[in-house]
Amino acid sequence: MVVIHYFEDKTLLLSQLVKQIPSIDENIKIKGRKGKVLSVKNVEGNHVHVYVMFEKVVKQQALSKETKKKKR
C-alpha cells in the first residue's frame, strides 16, 4: 500500500492510500474535476507526490437577458 498526495501547483488536493501509483500523462478525476498527471515523485518509502493539472472550467453566462424595462 502506498500513500499518494495529489498536488495542484503547491496546493494539496487529496491524500489517498492506494495499491497502484498513477503514471505520467494518465487522465484522472479528483473531486469531480478532470485532470492529467504531470509528474510523479517518490518522497519516502511508501509516500508519493503526484502533481496534477486540471482542465479549465468555462462558465456559460446567459446571453439573452433583457436589459430594457417594460413601459407601462
C-alpha atoms as a PDB file:
ATOM      1  CA  MET A   1       0.000   0.000   0.000  1.00  0.00           C
ATOM      2  CA  VAL A   2       1.213   3.478  -0.923  1.00  0.00           C
ATOM      3  CA  VAL A   3       0.216   6.915   0.399  1.00  0.00           C
ATOM      4  CA  ILE A   4      -0.328   9.333  -2.502  1.00  0.00           C
ATOM      5  CA  HIS A   5      -0.551  13.096  -2.060  1.00  0.00           C
ATOM      6  CA  TYR A   6      -2.118  14.898  -5.049  1.00  0.00           C
ATOM      7  CA  PHE A   7      -0.925  18.489  -5.631  1.00  0.00           C
ATOM      8  CA  GLU A   8      -2.029  21.260  -7.991  1.00  0.00           C
ATOM      9  CA  ASP A   9       0.769  23.847  -8.082  1.00  0.00           C
ATOM     10  CA  LYS A  10       1.639  23.962  -4.358  1.00  0.00           C
ATOM     11  CA  THR A  11      -1.857  23.175  -3.071  1.00  0.00           C
ATOM     12  CA  LEU A  12      -2.559  19.791  -1.504  1.00  0.00           C
ATOM     13  CA  LEU A  13      -5.775  18.422  -3.009  1.00  0.00           C
ATOM     14  CA  LEU A  14      -6.090  14.884  -1.736  1.00  0.00           C
ATOM     15  CA  SER A  15      -4.201  12.258   0.267  1.00  0.00           C
ATOM     16  CA  GLN A  16      -5.061   8.674  -0.507  1.00  0.00           C
ATOM     17  CA  LEU A  17      -3.933   5.170   0.465  1.00  0.00           C
ATOM     18  CA  VAL A  18      -3.897   3.023  -2.700  1.00  0.00           C
ATOM     19  CA  LYS A  19      -2.259  -0.069  -4.152  1.00  0.00           C
ATOM     20  CA  GLN A  20      -1.347   1.331  -7.575  1.00  0.00           C
ATOM     21  CA  ILE A  21       0.570   4.548  -8.366  1.00  0.00           C
ATOM     22  CA  PRO A  22      -0.777   6.594 -11.316  1.00  0.00           C
ATOM     23  CA  SER A  23       1.526   7.004 -14.322  1.00  0.00           C
ATOM     24  CA  ILE A  24       2.561  10.213 -16.112  1.00  0.00           C
ATOM     25  CA  ASP A  25       0.001  11.564 -18.670  1.00  0.00           C
ATOM     26  CA  GLU A  26      -2.758   9.436 -17.124  1.00  0.00           C
ATOM     27  CA  ASN A  27      -6.213  11.026 -17.013  1.00  0.00           C
ATOM     28  CA  ILE A  28      -7.643  11.164 -13.501  1.00  0.00           C
ATOM     29  CA  LYS A  29     -10.693  12.621 -11.798  1.00  0.00           C
ATOM     30  CA  ILE A  30     -10.395  14.207  -8.337  1.00  0.00           C
ATOM     31  CA  LYS A  31     -13.329  15.868  -6.571  1.00  0.00           C
ATOM     32  CA  GLY A  32     -15.337  15.911  -9.811  1.00  0.00           C
ATOM     33  CA  ARG A  33     -12.618  17.697 -11.784  1.00  0.00           C
ATOM     34  CA  LYS A  34     -10.862  16.104 -14.759  1.00  0.00           C
ATOM     35  CA  GLY A  35      -7.097  16.380 -14.867  1.00  0.00           C
ATOM     36  CA  LYS A  36      -3.856  14.913 -16.151  1.00  0.00           C
ATOM     37  CA  VAL A  37      -0.841  13.702 -14.167  1.00  0.00           C
ATOM     38  CA  LEU A  38       2.209  15.903 -14.829  1.00  0.00           C
ATOM     39  CA  SER A  39       4.810  14.173 -12.673  1.00  0.00           C
ATOM     40  CA  VAL A  40       5.220  11.509 -10.002  1.00  0.00           C
ATOM     41  CA  LYS A  41       7.850  11.878  -7.263  1.00  0.00           C
ATOM     42  CA  ASN A  42       8.801   9.289  -4.614  1.00  0.00           C
ATOM     43  CA  VAL A  43       9.423  11.100  -1.312  1.00  0.00           C
ATOM     44  CA  GLU A  44       9.939   8.385   1.307  1.00  0.00           C
ATOM     45  CA  GLY A  45       9.467   4.616   1.332  1.00  0.00           C
ATOM     46  CA  ASN A  46       5.731   4.479   0.735  1.00  0.00           C
ATOM     47  CA  HIS A  47       4.970   8.207   0.229  1.00  0.00           C
ATOM     48  CA  VAL A  48       4.465   9.578  -3.293  1.00  0.00           C
ATOM     49  CA  HIS A  49       3.731  13.112  -4.517  1.00  0.00           C
ATOM     50  CA  VAL A  50       1.660  13.347  -7.709  1.00  0.00           C
ATOM     51  CA  TYR A  51       1.441  16.702  -9.471  1.00  0.00           C
ATOM     52  CA  VAL A  52      -1.781  17.272 -11.424  1.00  0.00           C
ATOM     53  CA  MET A  53      -3.011  19.887 -13.899  1.00  0.00           C
ATOM     54  CA  PHE A  54      -6.784  20.309 -14.197  1.00  0.00           C
ATOM     55  CA  GLU A  55      -8.795  21.372 -17.231  1.00  0.00           C
ATOM     56  CA  LYS A  56     -10.066  24.924 -17.082  1.00  0.00           C
ATOM     57  CA  VAL A  57     -13.800  25.208 -16.411  1.00  0.00           C
ATOM     58  CA  VAL A  58     -15.596  27.698 -18.643  1.00  0.00           C
ATOM     59  CA  LYS A  59     -18.786  29.042 -17.123  1.00  0.00           C
ATOM     60  CA  GLN A  60     -21.507  29.954 -19.574  1.00  0.00           C
ATOM     61  CA  GLN A  61     -23.490  33.101 -18.943  1.00  0.00           C
ATOM     62  CA  ALA A  62     -26.976  33.782 -20.210  1.00  0.00           C
ATOM     63  CA  LEU A  63     -26.688  35.796 -23.407  1.00  0.00           C
ATOM     64  CA  SER A  64     -30.307  36.726 -23.960  1.00  0.00           C
ATOM     65  CA  LYS A  65     -31.054  38.715 -20.827  1.00  0.00           C
ATOM     66  CA  GLU A  66     -33.440  41.563 -21.383  1.00  0.00           C
ATOM     67  CA  THR A  67     -31.949  44.776 -20.044  1.00  0.00           C
ATOM     68  CA  LYS A  68     -34.807  47.086 -21.002  1.00  0.00           C
ATOM     69  CA  LYS A  69     -37.607  47.814 -18.613  1.00  0.00           C
ATOM     70  CA  LYS A  70     -41.147  47.439 -19.855  1.00  0.00           C
ATOM     71  CA  LYS A  71     -43.083  50.653 -20.309  1.00  0.00           C
ATOM     72  CA  ARG A  72     -46.437  50.936 -18.651  1.00  0.00           C
END
